[in-house]
Amino acid sequence: RLSCAASGSYFNTYVMGWYRQAPGKQRELVAI
């Protein structure tokens, strides 16, 4: 389980996503 803590007072309005980048590959969207 990965966690990502964010700063700011309006977190509930942020669109959040997870991306990944494997060696030699472009960064890709995992989930939003």
All heavy atoms as atom14 arrays in JSON, in Angstrom:
{
  "sequence": "RLSCAASGSYFNTYVMGWYRQAPGKQRELVAI",
  "atom14_mask": [
    [1, 1, 1, 1, 1, 1, 1, 1, 1, 1, 1, 0, 0, 0],
    [1, 1, 1, 1, 1, 1, 1, 1, 0, 0, 0, 0, 0, 0],
    [1, 1, 1, 1, 1, 1, 0, 0, 0, 0, 0, 0, 0, 0],
    [1, 1, 1, 1, 1, 1, 0, 0, 0, 0, 0, 0, 0, 0],
    [1, 1, 1, 1, 1, 0, 0, 0, 0, 0, 0, 0, 0, 0],
    [1, 1, 1, 1, 1, 0, 0, 0, 0, 0, 0, 0, 0, 0],
    [1, 1, 1, 1, 1, 1, 0, 0, 0, 0, 0, 0, 0, 0],
    [1, 1, 1, 1, 0, 0, 0, 0, 0, 0, 0, 0, 0, 0],
    [1, 1, 1, 1, 1, 1, 0, 0, 0, 0, 0, 0, 0, 0],
    [1, 1, 1, 1, 1, 1, 1, 1, 1, 1, 1, 1, 0, 0],
    [1, 1, 1, 1, 1, 1, 1, 1, 1, 1, 1, 0, 0, 0],
    [1, 1, 1, 1, 1, 1, 1, 1, 0, 0, 0, 0, 0, 0],
    [1, 1, 1, 1, 1, 1, 1, 0, 0, 0, 0, 0, 0, 0],
    [1, 1, 1, 1, 1, 1, 1, 1, 1, 1, 1, 1, 0, 0],
    [1, 1, 1, 1, 1, 1, 1, 0, 0, 0, 0, 0, 0, 0],
    [1, 1, 1, 1, 1, 1, 1, 1, 0, 0, 0, 0, 0, 0],
    [1, 1, 1, 1, 0, 0, 0, 0, 0, 0, 0, 0, 0, 0],
    [1, 1, 1, 1, 1, 1, 1, 1, 1, 1, 1, 1, 1, 1],
    [1, 1, 1, 1, 1, 1, 1, 1, 1, 1, 1, 1, 0, 0],
    [1, 1, 1, 1, 1, 1, 1, 1, 1, 1, 1, 0, 0, 0],
    [1, 1, 1, 1, 1, 1, 1, 1, 1, 0, 0, 0, 0, 0],
    [1, 1, 1, 1, 1, 0, 0, 0, 0, 0, 0, 0, 0, 0],
    [1, 1, 1, 1, 1, 1, 1, 0, 0, 0, 0, 0, 0, 0],
    [1, 1, 1, 1, 0, 0, 0, 0, 0, 0, 0, 0, 0, 0],
    [1, 1, 1, 1, 1, 1, 1, 1, 1, 0, 0, 0, 0, 0],
    [1, 1, 1, 1, 1, 1, 1, 1, 1, 0, 0, 0, 0, 0],
    [1, 1, 1, 1, 1, 1, 1, 1, 1, 1, 1, 0, 0, 0],
    [1, 1, 1, 1, 1, 1, 1, 1, 1, 0, 0, 0, 0, 0],
    [1, 1, 1, 1, 1, 1, 1, 1, 0, 0, 0, 0, 0, 0],
    [1, 1, 1, 1, 1, 1, 1, 0, 0, 0, 0, 0, 0, 0],
    [1, 1, 1, 1, 1, 0, 0, 0, 0, 0, 0, 0, 0, 0],
    [1, 1, 1, 1, 1, 1, 1, 1, 0, 0, 0, 0, 0, 0]
  ],
  "atom14_positions": [
    [[0.85, -1.19, 0.0], [0.0, 0.0, 0.0], [0.88, 1.24, 0.0], [1.69, 1.43, 0.91], [-0.95, 0.03, 1.2], [-1.97, 1.16, 1.08], [-2.98, 1.19, 2.2], [-2.48, 1.84, 3.4], [-3.25, 2.43, 4.31], [-4.57, 2.44, 4.15], [-2.72, 2.98, 5.39], [0.0, 0.0, 0.0], [0.0, 0.0, 0.0], [0.0, 0.0, 0.0]],
    [[0.7, 2.05, -1.02], [1.4, 3.33, -1.11], [0.52, 4.43, -0.51], [-0.7, 4.39, -0.63], [1.72, 3.67, -2.56], [2.5, 2.62, -3.35], [2.79, 3.16, -4.76], [3.78, 2.24, -2.65], [0.0, 0.0, 0.0], [0.0, 0.0, 0.0], [0.0, 0.0, 0.0], [0.0, 0.0, 0.0], [0.0, 0.0, 0.0], [0.0, 0.0, 0.0]],
    [[1.19, 5.4, 0.11], [0.51, 6.57, 0.65], [1.14, 7.83, 0.08], [2.34, 7.85, -0.22], [0.63, 6.6, 2.18], [0.05, 5.46, 2.77], [0.0, 0.0, 0.0], [0.0, 0.0, 0.0], [0.0, 0.0, 0.0], [0.0, 0.0, 0.0], [0.0, 0.0, 0.0], [0.0, 0.0, 0.0], [0.0, 0.0, 0.0], [0.0, 0.0, 0.0]],
    [[0.33, 8.86, -0.05], [0.82, 10.15, -0.51], [0.16, 11.23, 0.34], [-1.07, 11.4, 0.26], [0.51, 10.36, -1.98], [0.91, 12.01, -2.6], [0.0, 0.0, 0.0], [0.0, 0.0, 0.0], [0.0, 0.0, 0.0], [0.0, 0.0, 0.0], [0.0, 0.0, 0.0], [0.0, 0.0, 0.0], [0.0, 0.0, 0.0], [0.0, 0.0, 0.0]],
    [[0.96, 11.91, 1.13], [0.46, 12.99, 1.97], [0.65, 14.31, 1.23], [1.73, 14.59, 0.7], [1.21, 13.0, 3.29], [0.0, 0.0, 0.0], [0.0, 0.0, 0.0], [0.0, 0.0, 0.0], [0.0, 0.0, 0.0], [0.0, 0.0, 0.0], [0.0, 0.0, 0.0], [0.0, 0.0, 0.0], [0.0, 0.0, 0.0], [0.0, 0.0, 0.0]],
    [[-0.39, 15.12, 1.22], [-0.37, 16.38, 0.5], [-0.52, 17.56, 1.46], [-1.2, 17.46, 2.49], [-1.51, 16.42, -0.51], [0.0, 0.0, 0.0], [0.0, 0.0, 0.0], [0.0, 0.0, 0.0], [0.0, 0.0, 0.0], [0.0, 0.0, 0.0], [0.0, 0.0, 0.0], [0.0, 0.0, 0.0], [0.0, 0.0, 0.0], [0.0, 0.0, 0.0]],
    [[0.12, 18.67, 1.1], [-0.06, 19.9, 1.87], [-1.24, 20.67, 1.29], [-1.75, 20.34, 0.22], [1.21, 20.74, 1.82], [1.47, 21.18, 0.5], [0.0, 0.0, 0.0], [0.0, 0.0, 0.0], [0.0, 0.0, 0.0], [0.0, 0.0, 0.0], [0.0, 0.0, 0.0], [0.0, 0.0, 0.0], [0.0, 0.0, 0.0], [0.0, 0.0, 0.0]],
    [[-1.65, 21.7, 2.02], [-2.71, 22.55, 1.51], [-4.0, 22.4, 2.28], [-4.26, 21.38, 2.93], [0.0, 0.0, 0.0], [0.0, 0.0, 0.0], [0.0, 0.0, 0.0], [0.0, 0.0, 0.0], [0.0, 0.0, 0.0], [0.0, 0.0, 0.0], [0.0, 0.0, 0.0], [0.0, 0.0, 0.0], [0.0, 0.0, 0.0], [0.0, 0.0, 0.0]],
    [[-4.82, 23.43, 2.17], [-6.06, 23.49, 2.95], [-7.28, 23.03, 2.18], [-8.37, 22.92, 2.76], [-6.3, 24.93, 3.42], [-5.2, 25.39, 4.2], [0.0, 0.0, 0.0], [0.0, 0.0, 0.0], [0.0, 0.0, 0.0], [0.0, 0.0, 0.0], [0.0, 0.0, 0.0], [0.0, 0.0, 0.0], [0.0, 0.0, 0.0], [0.0, 0.0, 0.0]],
    [[-7.11, 22.75, 0.9], [-8.27, 22.4, 0.07], [-8.07, 21.06, -0.61], [-8.44, 20.87, -1.77], [-8.52, 23.5, -0.97], [-8.75, 24.85, -0.34], [-7.72, 25.79, -0.23], [-9.99, 25.18, 0.18], [-7.93, 27.01, 0.36], [-10.21, 26.41, 0.78], [-9.18, 27.32, 0.87], [-9.39, 28.53, 1.47], [0.0, 0.0, 0.0], [0.0, 0.0, 0.0]],
    [[-7.49, 20.12, 0.13], [-7.17, 18.81, -0.45], [-8.39, 18.16, -1.08], [-8.28, 17.47, -2.09], [-6.59, 17.89, 0.64], [-6.3, 16.5, 0.16], [-5.17, 16.23, -0.58], [-7.16, 15.44, 0.46], [-4.88, 14.94, -1.03], [-6.9, 14.16, 0.02], [-5.75, 13.91, -0.71], [0.0, 0.0, 0.0], [0.0, 0.0, 0.0], [0.0, 0.0, 0.0]],
    [[-9.56, 18.39, -0.48], [-10.75, 17.72, -0.99], [-11.09, 18.15, -2.41], [-11.87, 17.49, -3.1], [-11.94, 17.96, -0.06], [-12.29, 19.43, 0.04], [-11.45, 20.26, 0.34], [-13.53, 19.77, -0.22], [0.0, 0.0, 0.0], [0.0, 0.0, 0.0], [0.0, 0.0, 0.0], [0.0, 0.0, 0.0], [0.0, 0.0, 0.0], [0.0, 0.0, 0.0]],
    [[-10.51, 19.26, -2.88], [-10.76, 19.74, -4.25], [-9.7, 19.25, -5.25], [-9.88, 19.43, -6.45], [-10.8, 21.27, -4.3], [-9.5, 21.79, -4.02], [-11.81, 21.83, -3.3], [0.0, 0.0, 0.0], [0.0, 0.0, 0.0], [0.0, 0.0, 0.0], [0.0, 0.0, 0.0], [0.0, 0.0, 0.0], [0.0, 0.0, 0.0], [0.0, 0.0, 0.0]],
    [[-8.61, 18.64, -4.73], [-7.53, 18.22, -5.63], [-7.95, 16.96, -6.4], [-8.53, 16.03, -5.82], [-6.27, 17.86, -4.85], [-5.67, 18.95, -3.99], [-4.6, 18.63, -3.14], [-6.12, 20.25, -4.0], [-4.02, 19.58, -2.33], [-5.56, 21.21, -3.18], [-4.51, 20.87, -2.35], [-3.93, 21.81, -1.53], [0.0, 0.0, 0.0], [0.0, 0.0, 0.0]],
    [[-7.59, 16.9, -7.66], [-7.67, 15.65, -8.41], [-6.34, 14.94, -8.18], [-5.28, 15.48, -8.51], [-7.89, 15.89, -9.91], [-7.87, 14.57, -10.66], [-9.21, 16.62, -10.14], [0.0, 0.0, 0.0], [0.0, 0.0, 0.0], [0.0, 0.0, 0.0], [0.0, 0.0, 0.0], [0.0, 0.0, 0.0], [0.0, 0.0, 0.0], [0.0, 0.0, 0.0]],
    [[-6.39, 13.76, -7.62], [-5.18, 13.04, -7.24], [-4.96, 11.82, -8.13], [-5.92, 11.14, -8.51], [-5.27, 12.57, -5.78], [-5.45, 13.69, -4.78], [-4.05, 14.85, -4.75], [-2.71, 13.77, -4.24], [0.0, 0.0, 0.0], [0.0, 0.0, 0.0], [0.0, 0.0, 0.0], [0.0, 0.0, 0.0], [0.0, 0.0, 0.0], [0.0, 0.0, 0.0]],
    [[-3.72, 11.55, -8.41], [-3.41, 10.41, -9.26], [-2.12, 9.72, -8.86], [-1.3, 10.3, -8.15], [0.0, 0.0, 0.0], [0.0, 0.0, 0.0], [0.0, 0.0, 0.0], [0.0, 0.0, 0.0], [0.0, 0.0, 0.0], [0.0, 0.0, 0.0], [0.0, 0.0, 0.0], [0.0, 0.0, 0.0], [0.0, 0.0, 0.0], [0.0, 0.0, 0.0]],
    [[-2.0, 8.49, -9.29], [-0.76, 7.73, -9.18], [-0.27, 7.41, -10.59], [-1.05, 6.96, -11.42], [-0.96, 6.44, -8.4], [-1.12, 6.62, -6.93], [-2.29, 6.67, -6.22], [-0.07, 6.78, -5.97], [-2.02, 6.86, -4.89], [-0.67, 6.92, -4.71], [1.32, 6.81, -6.05], [0.07, 7.1, -3.53], [2.05, 6.99, -4.9], [1.44, 7.14, -3.65]],
    [[1.01, 7.65, -10.81], [1.67, 7.33, -12.06], [2.85, 6.42, -11.74], [3.28, 6.34, -10.6], [2.17, 8.6, -12.75], [1.09, 9.47, -13.32], [0.21, 10.17, -12.5], [0.94, 9.61, -14.7], [-0.78, 10.97, -13.03], [-0.05, 10.42, -15.24], [-0.9, 11.09, -14.4], [-1.89, 11.88, -14.93], [0.0, 0.0, 0.0], [0.0, 0.0, 0.0]],
    [[3.38, 5.79, -12.77], [4.59, 4.99, -12.56], [5.49, 5.08, -13.78], [5.03, 5.33, -14.89], [4.24, 3.53, -12.27], [3.59, 2.77, -13.42], [3.17, 1.39, -12.95], [2.57, 0.61, -14.03], [1.98, -0.58, -13.86], [1.93, -1.13, -12.64], [1.47, -1.21, -14.89], [0.0, 0.0, 0.0], [0.0, 0.0, 0.0], [0.0, 0.0, 0.0]],
    [[6.76, 4.87, -13.53], [7.74, 4.89, -14.61], [8.73, 3.76, -14.4], [9.46, 3.74, -13.4], [8.46, 6.23, -14.68], [9.35, 6.37, -15.9], [9.8, 7.8, -16.13], [9.74, 8.66, -15.25], [10.23, 8.07, -17.35], [0.0, 0.0, 0.0], [0.0, 0.0, 0.0], [0.0, 0.0, 0.0], [0.0, 0.0, 0.0], [0.0, 0.0, 0.0]],
    [[8.71, 2.83, -15.34], [9.66, 1.72, -15.32], [10.92, 2.13, -16.09], [10.87, 3.02, -16.93], [9.03, 0.48, -15.94], [0.0, 0.0, 0.0], [0.0, 0.0, 0.0], [0.0, 0.0, 0.0], [0.0, 0.0, 0.0], [0.0, 0.0, 0.0], [0.0, 0.0, 0.0], [0.0, 0.0, 0.0], [0.0, 0.0, 0.0], [0.0, 0.0, 0.0]],
    [[12.04, 1.48, -15.81], [13.29, 1.82, -16.51], [13.13, 1.73, -18.03], [12.62, 0.74, -18.56], [14.27, 0.76, -16.0], [13.75, 0.38, -14.67], [12.25, 0.44, -14.79], [0.0, 0.0, 0.0], [0.0, 0.0, 0.0], [0.0, 0.0, 0.0], [0.0, 0.0, 0.0], [0.0, 0.0, 0.0], [0.0, 0.0, 0.0], [0.0, 0.0, 0.0]],
    [[13.53, 2.77, -18.72], [13.47, 2.79, -20.17], [12.1, 3.02, -20.75], [11.93, 2.94, -21.97], [0.0, 0.0, 0.0], [0.0, 0.0, 0.0], [0.0, 0.0, 0.0], [0.0, 0.0, 0.0], [0.0, 0.0, 0.0], [0.0, 0.0, 0.0], [0.0, 0.0, 0.0], [0.0, 0.0, 0.0], [0.0, 0.0, 0.0], [0.0, 0.0, 0.0]],
    [[11.12, 3.3, -19.9], [9.75, 3.5, -20.38], [9.24, 4.89, -19.98], [9.78, 5.53, -19.08], [8.82, 2.43, -19.83], [9.14, 1.03, -20.34], [8.06, 0.04, -19.91], [8.33, -1.33, -20.49], [7.26, -2.31, -20.11], [0.0, 0.0, 0.0], [0.0, 0.0, 0.0], [0.0, 0.0, 0.0], [0.0, 0.0, 0.0], [0.0, 0.0, 0.0]],
    [[8.19, 5.32, -20.65], [7.58, 6.6, -20.31], [6.73, 6.47, -19.06], [6.23, 5.38, -18.73], [6.71, 7.08, -21.48], [7.51, 7.51, -22.7], [6.62, 8.19, -23.74], [5.44, 7.91, -23.83], [7.21, 9.08, -24.52], [0.0, 0.0, 0.0], [0.0, 0.0, 0.0], [0.0, 0.0, 0.0], [0.0, 0.0, 0.0], [0.0, 0.0, 0.0]],
    [[6.58, 7.59, -18.38], [5.69, 7.6, -17.22], [4.26, 7.38, -17.68], [3.82, 7.95, -18.69], [5.8, 8.95, -16.49], [5.17, 8.98, -15.13], [5.47, 10.29, -14.41], [6.91, 10.42, -14.15], [7.43, 11.39, -13.38], [6.62, 12.28, -12.81], [8.72, 11.46, -13.21], [0.0, 0.0, 0.0], [0.0, 0.0, 0.0], [0.0, 0.0, 0.0]],
    [[3.53, 6.53, -16.94], [2.16, 6.2, -17.33], [1.21, 6.36, -16.16], [1.58, 6.18, -15.0], [2.08, 4.75, -17.85], [2.44, 3.69, -16.83], [2.24, 2.27, -17.36], [1.82, 2.11, -18.52], [2.53, 1.33, -16.59], [0.0, 0.0, 0.0], [0.0, 0.0, 0.0], [0.0, 0.0, 0.0], [0.0, 0.0, 0.0], [0.0, 0.0, 0.0]],
    [[-0.01, 6.68, -16.5], [-1.06, 6.82, -15.48], [-1.44, 5.45, -14.96], [-1.66, 4.51, -15.73], [-2.29, 7.51, -16.09], [-3.5, 7.61, -15.19], [-3.23, 8.52, -13.99], [-4.71, 8.12, -15.98], [0.0, 0.0, 0.0], [0.0, 0.0, 0.0], [0.0, 0.0, 0.0], [0.0, 0.0, 0.0], [0.0, 0.0, 0.0], [0.0, 0.0, 0.0]],
    [[-1.54, 5.33, -13.65], [-1.99, 4.09, -13.02], [-3.44, 4.22, -12.57], [-4.28, 3.38, -12.88], [-1.09, 3.74, -11.82], [-1.64, 2.52, -11.08], [0.34, 3.51, -12.27], [0.0, 0.0, 0.0], [0.0, 0.0, 0.0], [0.0, 0.0, 0.0], [0.0, 0.0, 0.0], [0.0, 0.0, 0.0], [0.0, 0.0, 0.0], [0.0, 0.0, 0.0]],
    [[-3.73, 5.28, -11.83], [-5.07, 5.47, -11.3], [-5.27, 6.93, -10.94], [-4.32, 7.64, -10.65], [-5.3, 4.59, -10.06], [0.0, 0.0, 0.0], [0.0, 0.0, 0.0], [0.0, 0.0, 0.0], [0.0, 0.0, 0.0], [0.0, 0.0, 0.0], [0.0, 0.0, 0.0], [0.0, 0.0, 0.0], [0.0, 0.0, 0.0], [0.0, 0.0, 0.0]],
    [[-6.53, 7.35, -10.96], [-6.87, 8.73, -10.65], [-8.14, 8.73, -9.82], [-8.99, 7.85, -9.98], [-7.02, 9.55, -11.95], [-7.09, 11.04, -11.66], [-8.22, 9.09, -12.74], [-6.94, 11.89, -12.92], [0.0, 0.0, 0.0], [0.0, 0.0, 0.0], [0.0, 0.0, 0.0], [0.0, 0.0, 0.0], [0.0, 0.0, 0.0], [0.0, 0.0, 0.0]]
  ]
}
